[in-house]
Amino acid sequence: FKVAKAIFSSPRKTVLNNLSQFYGRMVAKRTLDKAGIEHR
């Protein structure tokens, strides 16, 4: 639920930008890559 809240925190922003506020940008990129989800 923490991840979900981060993802939907700003609907117009990309998941990378939203997750960066939760993880930090480098960790967010790595997490998205491991999950197989497009950054944009």
PDB file of all heavy atoms in Angstrom:
ATOM      1  N   PHE A   1       0.814  -1.209   0.000  1.00  0.00           N
ATOM      2  CA  PHE A   1       0.000   0.000   0.000  1.00  0.00           C
ATOM      3  C   PHE A   1       0.854   1.267   0.000  1.00  0.00           C
ATOM      4  O   PHE A   1       0.442   2.295  -0.550  1.00  0.00           O
ATOM      5  CB  PHE A   1      -0.992  -0.016   1.161  1.00  0.00           C
ATOM      6  CG  PHE A   1      -2.267  -0.715   0.807  1.00  0.00           C
ATOM      7  CD1 PHE A   1      -2.409  -2.073   0.976  1.00  0.00           C
ATOM      8  CD2 PHE A   1      -3.324  -0.013   0.243  1.00  0.00           C
ATOM      9  CE1 PHE A   1      -3.571  -2.727   0.606  1.00  0.00           C
ATOM     10  CE2 PHE A   1      -4.502  -0.651  -0.130  1.00  0.00           C
ATOM     11  CZ  PHE A   1      -4.617  -2.015   0.053  1.00  0.00           C
ATOM     12  N   LYS A   2       2.029   1.206   0.580  1.00  0.00           N
ATOM     13  CA  LYS A   2       2.929   2.358   0.505  1.00  0.00           C
ATOM     14  C   LYS A   2       3.368   2.594  -0.940  1.00  0.00           C
ATOM     15  O   LYS A   2       3.415   3.733  -1.409  1.00  0.00           O
ATOM     16  CB  LYS A   2       4.157   2.125   1.403  1.00  0.00           C
ATOM     17  CG  LYS A   2       3.869   2.284   2.887  1.00  0.00           C
ATOM     18  CD  LYS A   2       5.134   2.076   3.711  1.00  0.00           C
ATOM     19  CE  LYS A   2       4.848   2.262   5.203  1.00  0.00           C
ATOM     20  NZ  LYS A   2       6.058   2.031   6.026  1.00  0.00           N
ATOM     21  N   VAL A   3       3.688   1.505  -1.639  1.00  0.00           N
ATOM     22  CA  VAL A   3       4.070   1.609  -3.050  1.00  0.00           C
ATOM     23  C   VAL A   3       2.892   2.120  -3.874  1.00  0.00           C
ATOM     24  O   VAL A   3       3.047   3.003  -4.727  1.00  0.00           O
ATOM     25  CB  VAL A   3       4.556   0.242  -3.582  1.00  0.00           C
ATOM     26  CG1 VAL A   3       4.723   0.280  -5.103  1.00  0.00           C
ATOM     27  CG2 VAL A   3       5.878  -0.148  -2.923  1.00  0.00           C
ATOM     28  N   ALA A   4       1.690   1.582  -3.629  1.00  0.00           N
ATOM     29  CA  ALA A   4       0.501   2.007  -4.377  1.00  0.00           C
ATOM     30  C   ALA A   4       0.221   3.494  -4.165  1.00  0.00           C
ATOM     31  O   ALA A   4      -0.091   4.218  -5.116  1.00  0.00           O
ATOM     32  CB  ALA A   4      -0.707   1.180  -3.948  1.00  0.00           C
ATOM     33  N   LYS A   5       0.329   3.961  -2.932  1.00  0.00           N
ATOM     34  CA  LYS A   5       0.089   5.380  -2.656  1.00  0.00           C
ATOM     35  C   LYS A   5       1.098   6.256  -3.393  1.00  0.00           C
ATOM     36  O   LYS A   5       0.749   7.329  -3.895  1.00  0.00           O
ATOM     37  CB  LYS A   5       0.160   5.634  -1.145  1.00  0.00           C
ATOM     38  CG  LYS A   5      -1.065   5.137  -0.395  1.00  0.00           C
ATOM     39  CD  LYS A   5      -0.933   5.383   1.099  1.00  0.00           C
ATOM     40  CE  LYS A   5      -2.164   4.886   1.848  1.00  0.00           C
ATOM     41  NZ  LYS A   5      -2.018   5.083   3.312  1.00  0.00           N
ATOM     42  N   ALA A   6       2.356   5.794  -3.458  1.00  0.00           N
ATOM     43  CA  ALA A   6       3.378   6.544  -4.187  1.00  0.00           C
ATOM     44  C   ALA A   6       3.054   6.582  -5.680  1.00  0.00           C
ATOM     45  O   ALA A   6       3.132   7.628  -6.321  1.00  0.00           O
ATOM     46  CB  ALA A   6       4.751   5.918  -3.956  1.00  0.00           C
ATOM     47  N   ILE A   7       2.665   5.463  -6.235  1.00  0.00           N
ATOM     48  CA  ILE A   7       2.367   5.359  -7.668  1.00  0.00           C
ATOM     49  C   ILE A   7       1.232   6.283  -8.075  1.00  0.00           C
ATOM     50  O   ILE A   7       1.268   6.913  -9.142  1.00  0.00           O
ATOM     51  CB  ILE A   7       2.016   3.900  -8.033  1.00  0.00           C
ATOM     52  CG1 ILE A   7       3.283   3.045  -8.012  1.00  0.00           C
ATOM     53  CG2 ILE A   7       1.343   3.805  -9.400  1.00  0.00           C
ATOM     54  CD1 ILE A   7       3.025   1.570  -8.105  1.00  0.00           C
ATOM     55  N   PHE A   8       0.205   6.397  -7.228  1.00  0.00           N
ATOM     56  CA  PHE A   8      -0.972   7.205  -7.571  1.00  0.00           C
ATOM     57  C   PHE A   8      -0.928   8.611  -6.970  1.00  0.00           C
ATOM     58  O   PHE A   8      -1.911   9.342  -7.075  1.00  0.00           O
ATOM     59  CB  PHE A   8      -2.242   6.489  -7.103  1.00  0.00           C
ATOM     60  CG  PHE A   8      -2.507   5.194  -7.824  1.00  0.00           C
ATOM     61  CD1 PHE A   8      -2.407   3.984  -7.151  1.00  0.00           C
ATOM     62  CD2 PHE A   8      -2.835   5.185  -9.168  1.00  0.00           C
ATOM     63  CE1 PHE A   8      -2.651   2.781  -7.800  1.00  0.00           C
ATOM     64  CE2 PHE A   8      -3.075   3.994  -9.837  1.00  0.00           C
ATOM     65  CZ  PHE A   8      -2.981   2.788  -9.156  1.00  0.00           C
ATOM     66  N   SER A   9       0.193   8.985  -6.380  1.00  0.00           N
ATOM     67  CA  SER A   9       0.271  10.283  -5.691  1.00  0.00           C
ATOM     68  C   SER A   9       0.096  11.459  -6.646  1.00  0.00           C
ATOM     69  O   SER A   9      -0.496  12.481  -6.292  1.00  0.00           O
ATOM     70  CB  SER A   9       1.598  10.413  -4.932  1.00  0.00           C
ATOM     71  OG  SER A   9       2.699  10.290  -5.824  1.00  0.00           O
ATOM     72  N   SER A  10       0.609  11.346  -7.860  1.00  0.00           N
ATOM     73  CA  SER A  10       0.441  12.388  -8.888  1.00  0.00           C
ATOM     74  C   SER A  10       0.074  11.686 -10.187  1.00  0.00           C
ATOM     75  O   SER A  10       0.961  11.244 -10.924  1.00  0.00           O
ATOM     76  CB  SER A  10       1.732  13.199  -9.061  1.00  0.00           C
ATOM     77  OG  SER A  10       2.064  13.881  -7.869  1.00  0.00           O
ATOM     78  N   PRO A  11      -1.225  11.569 -10.484  1.00  0.00           N
ATOM     79  CA  PRO A  11      -1.689  10.778 -11.628  1.00  0.00           C
ATOM     80  C   PRO A  11      -1.068  11.156 -12.968  1.00  0.00           C
ATOM     81  O   PRO A  11      -0.937  10.305 -13.853  1.00  0.00           O
ATOM     82  CB  PRO A  11      -3.200  11.016 -11.636  1.00  0.00           C
ATOM     83  CG  PRO A  11      -3.527  11.349 -10.210  1.00  0.00           C
ATOM     84  CD  PRO A  11      -2.352  12.118  -9.708  1.00  0.00           C
ATOM     85  N   ARG A  12      -0.677  12.412 -13.142  1.00  0.00           N
ATOM     86  CA  ARG A  12      -0.146  12.843 -14.442  1.00  0.00           C
ATOM     87  C   ARG A  12       1.349  12.547 -14.590  1.00  0.00           C
ATOM     88  O   ARG A  12       1.894  12.628 -15.685  1.00  0.00           O
ATOM     89  CB  ARG A  12      -0.393  14.343 -14.641  1.00  0.00           C
ATOM     90  CG  ARG A  12      -1.871  14.693 -14.765  1.00  0.00           C
ATOM     91  CD  ARG A  12      -2.063  16.154 -15.088  1.00  0.00           C
ATOM     92  NE  ARG A  12      -3.479  16.505 -15.215  1.00  0.00           N
ATOM     93  CZ  ARG A  12      -3.925  17.705 -15.522  1.00  0.00           C
ATOM     94  NH1 ARG A  12      -3.060  18.698 -15.733  1.00  0.00           N
ATOM     95  NH2 ARG A  12      -5.221  17.935 -15.628  1.00  0.00           N
ATOM     96  N   LYS A  13       1.989  12.201 -13.491  1.00  0.00           N
ATOM     97  CA  LYS A  13       3.424  11.913 -13.552  1.00  0.00           C
ATOM     98  C   LYS A  13       3.660  10.447 -13.881  1.00  0.00           C
ATOM     99  O   LYS A  13       2.794   9.598 -13.680  1.00  0.00           O
ATOM    100  CB  LYS A  13       4.092  12.257 -12.216  1.00  0.00           C
ATOM    101  CG  LYS A  13       4.148  13.747 -11.917  1.00  0.00           C
ATOM    102  CD  LYS A  13       4.921  14.003 -10.635  1.00  0.00           C
ATOM    103  CE  LYS A  13       5.025  15.492 -10.337  1.00  0.00           C
ATOM    104  NZ  LYS A  13       5.779  15.738  -9.081  1.00  0.00           N
ATOM    105  N   THR A  14       4.850  10.143 -14.363  1.00  0.00           N
ATOM    106  CA  THR A  14       5.199   8.760 -14.673  1.00  0.00           C
ATOM    107  C   THR A  14       5.422   7.978 -13.376  1.00  0.00           C
ATOM    108  O   THR A  14       5.663   8.561 -12.313  1.00  0.00           O
ATOM    109  CB  THR A  14       6.492   8.688 -15.507  1.00  0.00           C
ATOM    110  OG1 THR A  14       7.590   9.193 -14.717  1.00  0.00           O
ATOM    111  CG2 THR A  14       6.356   9.489 -16.794  1.00  0.00           C
ATOM    112  N   VAL A  15       5.350   6.653 -13.501  1.00  0.00           N
ATOM    113  CA  VAL A  15       5.592   5.832 -12.308  1.00  0.00           C
ATOM    114  C   VAL A  15       7.016   6.028 -11.812  1.00  0.00           C
ATOM    115  O   VAL A  15       7.273   5.952 -10.603  1.00  0.00           O
ATOM    116  CB  VAL A  15       5.318   4.342 -12.583  1.00  0.00           C
ATOM    117  CG1 VAL A  15       3.840   4.095 -12.725  1.00  0.00           C
ATOM    118  CG2 VAL A  15       6.077   3.829 -13.794  1.00  0.00           C
ATOM    119  N   LEU A  16       7.949   6.300 -12.722  1.00  0.00           N
ATOM    120  CA  LEU A  16       9.332   6.547 -12.295  1.00  0.00           C
ATOM    121  C   LEU A  16       9.407   7.777 -11.409  1.00  0.00           C
ATOM    122  O   LEU A  16      10.020   7.748 -10.333  1.00  0.00           O
ATOM    123  CB  LEU A  16      10.252   6.718 -13.504  1.00  0.00           C
ATOM    124  CG  LEU A  16      11.708   7.122 -13.173  1.00  0.00           C
ATOM    125  CD1 LEU A  16      12.362   6.084 -12.262  1.00  0.00           C
ATOM    126  CD2 LEU A  16      12.519   7.306 -14.454  1.00  0.00           C
ATOM    127  N   ASN A  17       8.779   8.857 -11.835  1.00  0.00           N
ATOM    128  CA  ASN A  17       8.820  10.083 -11.033  1.00  0.00           C
ATOM    129  C   ASN A  17       8.125   9.900  -9.682  1.00  0.00           C
ATOM    130  O   ASN A  17       8.617  10.369  -8.653  1.00  0.00           O
ATOM    131  CB  ASN A  17       8.166  11.238 -11.793  1.00  0.00           C
ATOM    132  CG  ASN A  17       9.070  11.783 -12.884  1.00  0.00           C
ATOM    133  OD1 ASN A  17      10.284  11.636 -12.813  1.00  0.00           O
ATOM    134  ND2 ASN A  17       8.485  12.379 -13.905  1.00  0.00           N
ATOM    135  N   ASN A  18       6.986   9.223  -9.691  1.00  0.00           N
ATOM    136  CA  ASN A  18       6.272   9.017  -8.430  1.00  0.00           C
ATOM    137  C   ASN A  18       7.020   8.085  -7.490  1.00  0.00           C
ATOM    138  O   ASN A  18       7.097   8.336  -6.286  1.00  0.00           O
ATOM    139  CB  ASN A  18       4.866   8.471  -8.711  1.00  0.00           C
ATOM    140  CG  ASN A  18       3.905   9.548  -9.193  1.00  0.00           C
ATOM    141  OD1 ASN A  18       4.108  10.736  -8.957  1.00  0.00           O
ATOM    142  ND2 ASN A  18       2.858   9.139  -9.889  1.00  0.00           N
ATOM    143  N   LEU A  19       7.570   6.997  -8.038  1.00  0.00           N
ATOM    144  CA  LEU A  19       8.317   6.058  -7.192  1.00  0.00           C
ATOM    145  C   LEU A  19       9.622   6.653  -6.687  1.00  0.00           C
ATOM    146  O   LEU A  19      10.123   6.254  -5.633  1.00  0.00           O
ATOM    147  CB  LEU A  19       8.604   4.770  -7.953  1.00  0.00           C
ATOM    148  CG  LEU A  19       7.509   3.711  -7.982  1.00  0.00           C
ATOM    149  CD1 LEU A  19       7.986   2.487  -8.735  1.00  0.00           C
ATOM    150  CD2 LEU A  19       7.077   3.317  -6.577  1.00  0.00           C
ATOM    151  N   SER A  20      10.172   7.613  -7.429  1.00  0.00           N
ATOM    152  CA  SER A  20      11.425   8.252  -7.010  1.00  0.00           C
ATOM    153  C   SER A  20      11.259   8.979  -5.682  1.00  0.00           C
ATOM    154  O   SER A  20      12.195   9.093  -4.886  1.00  0.00           O
ATOM    155  CB  SER A  20      11.913   9.241  -8.081  1.00  0.00           C
ATOM    156  OG  SER A  20      12.263   8.543  -9.260  1.00  0.00           O
ATOM    157  N   GLN A  21      10.029   9.464  -5.425  1.00  0.00           N
ATOM    158  CA  GLN A  21       9.760  10.138  -4.154  1.00  0.00           C
ATOM    159  C   GLN A  21       9.730   9.139  -2.991  1.00  0.00           C
ATOM    160  O   GLN A  21       9.934   9.518  -1.847  1.00  0.00           O
ATOM    161  CB  GLN A  21       8.423  10.875  -4.241  1.00  0.00           C
ATOM    162  CG  GLN A  21       8.375  11.935  -5.334  1.00  0.00           C
ATOM    163  CD  GLN A  21       6.994  12.554  -5.460  1.00  0.00           C
ATOM    164  OE1 GLN A  21       6.345  12.863  -4.475  1.00  0.00           O
ATOM    165  NE2 GLN A  21       6.533  12.730  -6.692  1.00  0.00           N
ATOM    166  N   PHE A  22       9.489   7.887  -3.314  1.00  0.00           N
ATOM    167  CA  PHE A  22       9.398   6.838  -2.291  1.00  0.00           C
ATOM    168  C   PHE A  22      10.743   6.131  -2.100  1.00  0.00           C
ATOM    169  O   PHE A  22      11.205   5.931  -0.979  1.00  0.00           O
ATOM    170  CB  PHE A  22       8.323   5.827  -2.698  1.00  0.00           C
ATOM    171  CG  PHE A  22       8.147   4.686  -1.735  1.00  0.00           C
ATOM    172  CD1 PHE A  22       7.662   4.896  -0.448  1.00  0.00           C
ATOM    173  CD2 PHE A  22       8.454   3.385  -2.116  1.00  0.00           C
ATOM    174  CE1 PHE A  22       7.486   3.838   0.435  1.00  0.00           C
ATOM    175  CE2 PHE A  22       8.281   2.321  -1.237  1.00  0.00           C
ATOM    176  CZ  PHE A  22       7.801   2.556   0.041  1.00  0.00           C
ATOM    177  N   TYR A  23      11.391   5.768  -3.231  1.00  0.00           N
ATOM    178  CA  TYR A  23      12.628   4.992  -3.184  1.00  0.00           C
ATOM    179  C   TYR A  23      13.900   5.825  -3.357  1.00  0.00           C
ATOM    180  O   TYR A  23      14.977   5.420  -2.928  1.00  0.00           O
ATOM    181  CB  TYR A  23      12.634   3.963  -4.313  1.00  0.00           C
ATOM    182  CG  TYR A  23      11.770   2.748  -4.109  1.00  0.00           C
ATOM    183  CD1 TYR A  23      10.737   2.451  -4.994  1.00  0.00           C
ATOM    184  CD2 TYR A  23      11.998   1.862  -3.068  1.00  0.00           C
ATOM    185  CE1 TYR A  23       9.949   1.319  -4.843  1.00  0.00           C
ATOM    186  CE2 TYR A  23      11.216   0.727  -2.907  1.00  0.00           C
ATOM    187  CZ  TYR A  23      10.198   0.457  -3.794  1.00  0.00           C
ATOM    188  OH  TYR A  23       9.443  -0.662  -3.644  1.00  0.00           O
ATOM    189  N   GLY A  24      13.793   6.965  -4.061  1.00  0.00           N
ATOM    190  CA  GLY A  24      14.968   7.608  -4.628  1.00  0.00           C
ATOM    191  C   GLY A  24      15.053   7.163  -6.087  1.00  0.00           C
ATOM    192  O   GLY A  24      14.611   6.061  -6.431  1.00  0.00           O
ATOM    193  N   ARG A  25      15.602   8.005  -6.972  1.00  0.00           N
ATOM    194  CA  ARG A  25      15.512   7.753  -8.417  1.00  0.00           C
ATOM    195  C   ARG A  25      16.227   6.478  -8.857  1.00  0.00           C
ATOM    196  O   ARG A  25      15.699   5.691  -9.643  1.00  0.00           O
ATOM    197  CB  ARG A  25      16.057   8.960  -9.204  1.00  0.00           C
ATOM    198  CG  ARG A  25      15.604   8.933 -10.664  1.00  0.00           C
ATOM    199  CD  ARG A  25      15.801  10.272 -11.329  1.00  0.00           C
ATOM    200  NE  ARG A  25      15.249  10.310 -12.669  1.00  0.00           N
ATOM    201  CZ  ARG A  25      13.971  10.548 -12.964  1.00  0.00           C
ATOM    202  NH1 ARG A  25      13.116  10.773 -11.994  1.00  0.00           N
ATOM    203  NH2 ARG A  25      13.548  10.567 -14.213  1.00  0.00           N
ATOM    204  N   MET A  26      17.452   6.258  -8.370  1.00  0.00           N
ATOM    205  CA  MET A  26      18.211   5.090  -8.818  1.00  0.00           C
ATOM    206  C   MET A  26      17.529   3.791  -8.392  1.00  0.00           C
ATOM    207  O   MET A  26      17.410   2.850  -9.175  1.00  0.00           O
ATOM    208  CB  MET A  26      19.635   5.148  -8.268  1.00  0.00           C
ATOM    209  CG  MET A  26      20.470   6.291  -8.829  1.00  0.00           C
ATOM    210  SD  MET A  26      20.540   6.281 -10.653  1.00  0.00           S
ATOM    211  CE  MET A  26      21.410   4.738 -10.926  1.00  0.00           C
ATOM    212  N   VAL A  27      17.056   3.735  -7.153  1.00  0.00           N
ATOM    213  CA  VAL A  27      16.373   2.530  -6.670  1.00  0.00           C
ATOM    214  C   VAL A  27      15.052   2.339  -7.401  1.00  0.00           C
ATOM    215  O   VAL A  27      14.668   1.217  -7.737  1.00  0.00           O
ATOM    216  CB  VAL A  27      16.149   2.603  -5.142  1.00  0.00           C
ATOM    217  CG1 VAL A  27      15.336   1.402  -4.662  1.00  0.00           C
ATOM    218  CG2 VAL A  27      17.480   2.671  -4.408  1.00  0.00           C
ATOM    219  N   ALA A  28      14.350   3.444  -7.684  1.00  0.00           N
ATOM    220  CA  ALA A  28      13.084   3.361  -8.411  1.00  0.00           C
ATOM    221  C   ALA A  28      13.297   2.763  -9.803  1.00  0.00           C
ATOM    222  O   ALA A  28      12.537   1.896 -10.243  1.00  0.00           O
ATOM    223  CB  ALA A  28      12.445   4.740  -8.524  1.00  0.00           C
ATOM    224  N   LYS A  29      14.353   3.224 -10.504  1.00  0.00           N
ATOM    225  CA  LYS A  29      14.659   2.673 -11.829  1.00  0.00           C
ATOM    226  C   LYS A  29      14.938   1.180 -11.745  1.00  0.00           C
ATOM    227  O   LYS A  29      14.431   0.390 -12.549  1.00  0.00           O
ATOM    228  CB  LYS A  29      15.879   3.390 -12.427  1.00  0.00           C
ATOM    229  CG  LYS A  29      15.601   4.785 -12.950  1.00  0.00           C
ATOM    230  CD  LYS A  29      16.863   5.365 -13.578  1.00  0.00           C
ATOM    231  CE  LYS A  29      16.611   6.743 -14.177  1.00  0.00           C
ATOM    232  NZ  LYS A  29      17.826   7.296 -14.804  1.00  0.00           N
ATOM    233  N   ARG A  30      15.760   0.796 -10.785  1.00  0.00           N
ATOM    234  CA  ARG A  30      16.138  -0.613 -10.640  1.00  0.00           C
ATOM    235  C   ARG A  30      14.914  -1.471 -10.298  1.00  0.00           C
ATOM    236  O   ARG A  30      14.752  -2.573 -10.823  1.00  0.00           O
ATOM    237  CB  ARG A  30      17.211  -0.751  -9.562  1.00  0.00           C
ATOM    238  CG  ARG A  30      17.773  -2.155  -9.436  1.00  0.00           C
ATOM    239  CD  ARG A  30      19.034  -2.185  -8.598  1.00  0.00           C
ATOM    240  NE  ARG A  30      18.785  -1.820  -7.208  1.00  0.00           N
ATOM    241  CZ  ARG A  30      19.274  -0.723  -6.639  1.00  0.00           C
ATOM    242  NH1 ARG A  30      20.020   0.121  -7.337  1.00  0.00           N
ATOM    243  NH2 ARG A  30      19.017  -0.459  -5.377  1.00  0.00           N
ATOM    244  N   THR A  31      14.056  -0.941  -9.428  1.00  0.00           N
ATOM    245  CA  THR A  31      12.848  -1.677  -9.027  1.00  0.00           C
ATOM    246  C   THR A  31      11.910  -1.879 -10.209  1.00  0.00           C
ATOM    247  O   THR A  31      11.375  -2.976 -10.415  1.00  0.00           O
ATOM    248  CB  THR A  31      12.117  -0.919  -7.903  1.00  0.00           C
ATOM    249  OG1 THR A  31      13.000  -0.751  -6.791  1.00  0.00           O
ATOM    250  CG2 THR A  31      10.889  -1.688  -7.439  1.00  0.00           C
ATOM    251  N   LEU A  32      11.704  -0.838 -11.008  1.00  0.00           N
ATOM    252  CA  LEU A  32      10.846  -0.939 -12.184  1.00  0.00           C
ATOM    253  C   LEU A  32      11.419  -1.928 -13.196  1.00  0.00           C
ATOM    254  O   LEU A  32      10.685  -2.729 -13.788  1.00  0.00           O
ATOM    255  CB  LEU A  32      10.669   0.432 -12.827  1.00  0.00           C
ATOM    256  CG  LEU A  32       9.768   1.413 -12.069  1.00  0.00           C
ATOM    257  CD1 LEU A  32       9.930   2.824 -12.621  1.00  0.00           C
ATOM    258  CD2 LEU A  32       8.306   0.990 -12.160  1.00  0.00           C
ATOM    259  N   ASP A  33      12.737  -1.900 -13.381  1.00  0.00           N
ATOM    260  CA  ASP A  33      13.373  -2.825 -14.318  1.00  0.00           C
ATOM    261  C   ASP A  33      13.192  -4.276 -13.869  1.00  0.00           C
ATOM    262  O   ASP A  33      12.863  -5.153 -14.674  1.00  0.00           O
ATOM    263  CB  ASP A  33      14.863  -2.510 -14.450  1.00  0.00           C
ATOM    264  CG  ASP A  33      15.123  -1.210 -15.214  1.00  0.00           C
ATOM    265  OD1 ASP A  33      14.211  -0.774 -15.953  1.00  0.00           O
ATOM    266  OD2 ASP A  33      16.218  -0.644 -15.060  1.00  0.00           O
ATOM    267  N   LYS A  34      13.393  -4.522 -12.588  1.00  0.00           N
ATOM    268  CA  LYS A  34      13.252  -5.888 -12.073  1.00  0.00           C
ATOM    269  C   LYS A  34      11.810  -6.382 -12.172  1.00  0.00           C
ATOM    270  O   LYS A  34      11.567  -7.577 -12.355  1.00  0.00           O
ATOM    271  CB  LYS A  34      13.727  -5.949 -10.622  1.00  0.00           C
ATOM    272  CG  LYS A  34      15.239  -5.851 -10.458  1.00  0.00           C
ATOM    273  CD  LYS A  34      15.645  -5.968  -8.996  1.00  0.00           C
ATOM    274  CE  LYS A  34      17.160  -5.912  -8.851  1.00  0.00           C
ATOM    275  NZ  LYS A  34      17.568  -6.008  -7.415  1.00  0.00           N
ATOM    276  N   ALA A  35      10.864  -5.455 -12.060  1.00  0.00           N
ATOM    277  CA  ALA A  35       9.447  -5.820 -12.149  1.00  0.00           C
ATOM    278  C   ALA A  35       8.961  -5.864 -13.601  1.00  0.00           C
ATOM    279  O   ALA A  35       7.828  -6.275 -13.869  1.00  0.00           O
ATOM    280  CB  ALA A  35       8.595  -4.835 -11.353  1.00  0.00           C
ATOM    281  N   GLY A  36       9.827  -5.436 -14.535  1.00  0.00           N
ATOM    282  CA  GLY A  36       9.452  -5.464 -15.947  1.00  0.00           C
ATOM    283  C   GLY A  36       8.416  -4.434 -16.326  1.00  0.00           C
ATOM    284  O   GLY A  36       7.563  -4.676 -17.179  1.00  0.00           O
ATOM    285  N   ILE A  37       8.514  -3.235 -15.715  1.00  0.00           N
ATOM    286  CA  ILE A  37       7.529  -2.174 -15.966  1.00  0.00           C
ATOM    287  C   ILE A  37       8.213  -0.977 -16.611  1.00  0.00           C
ATOM    288  O   ILE A  37       9.244  -0.490 -16.120  1.00  0.00           O
ATOM    289  CB  ILE A  37       6.836  -1.760 -14.656  1.00  0.00           C
ATOM    290  CG1 ILE A  37       6.005  -2.935 -14.125  1.00  0.00           C
ATOM    291  CG2 ILE A  37       5.942  -0.543 -14.872  1.00  0.00           C
ATOM    292  CD1 ILE A  37       5.416  -2.712 -12.765  1.00  0.00           C
ATOM    293  N   GLU A  38       7.634  -0.511 -17.695  1.00  0.00           N
ATOM    294  CA  GLU A  38       8.164   0.634 -18.432  1.00  0.00           C
ATOM    295  C   GLU A  38       8.137   1.890 -17.569  1.00  0.00           C
ATOM    296  O   GLU A  38       7.128   2.226 -16.954  1.00  0.00           O
ATOM    297  CB  GLU A  38       7.313   0.842 -19.697  1.00  0.00           C
ATOM    298  CG  GLU A  38       7.519   2.161 -20.419  1.00  0.00           C
ATOM    299  CD  GLU A  38       8.965   2.350 -20.868  1.00  0.00           C
ATOM    300  OE1 GLU A  38       9.528   1.398 -21.447  1.00  0.00           O
ATOM    301  OE2 GLU A  38       9.509   3.449 -20.623  1.00  0.00           O
ATOM    302  N   HIS A  39       9.272   2.615 -17.546  1.00  0.00           N
ATOM    303  CA  HIS A  39       9.425   3.806 -16.692  1.00  0.00           C
ATOM    304  C   HIS A  39       8.418   4.905 -17.016  1.00  0.00           C
ATOM    305  O   HIS A  39       8.020   5.667 -16.134  1.00  0.00           O
ATOM    306  CB  HIS A  39      10.833   4.387 -16.841  1.00  0.00           C
ATOM    307  CG  HIS A  39      11.917   3.473 -16.381  1.00  0.00           C
ATOM    308  ND1 HIS A  39      13.241   3.860 -16.299  1.00  0.00           N
ATOM    309  CD2 HIS A  39      11.882   2.177 -15.968  1.00  0.00           C
ATOM    310  CE1 HIS A  39      13.972   2.846 -15.876  1.00  0.00           C
ATOM    311  NE2 HIS A  39      13.173   1.814 -15.670  1.00  0.00           N
ATOM    312  N   ARG A  40       8.020   5.011 -18.285  1.00  0.00           N
ATOM    313  CA  ARG A  40       7.189   6.144 -18.707  1.00  0.00           C
ATOM    314  C   ARG A  40       5.705   5.926 -18.458  1.00  0.00           C
ATOM    315  O   ARG A  40       4.893   6.826 -18.700  1.00  0.00           O
ATOM    316  CB  ARG A  40       7.393   6.411 -20.201  1.00  0.00           C
ATOM    317  CG  ARG A  40       8.809   6.821 -20.556  1.00  0.00           C
ATOM    318  CD  ARG A  40       8.920   7.044 -22.055  1.00  0.00           C
ATOM    319  NE  ARG A  40      10.295   7.257 -22.463  1.00  0.00           N
ATOM    320  CZ  ARG A  40      10.677   7.422 -23.732  1.00  0.00           C
ATOM    321  NH1 ARG A  40       9.762   7.407 -24.691  1.00  0.00           N
ATOM    322  NH2 ARG A  40      11.946   7.604 -24.034  1.00  0.00           N
TER     323      ARG A  40
END
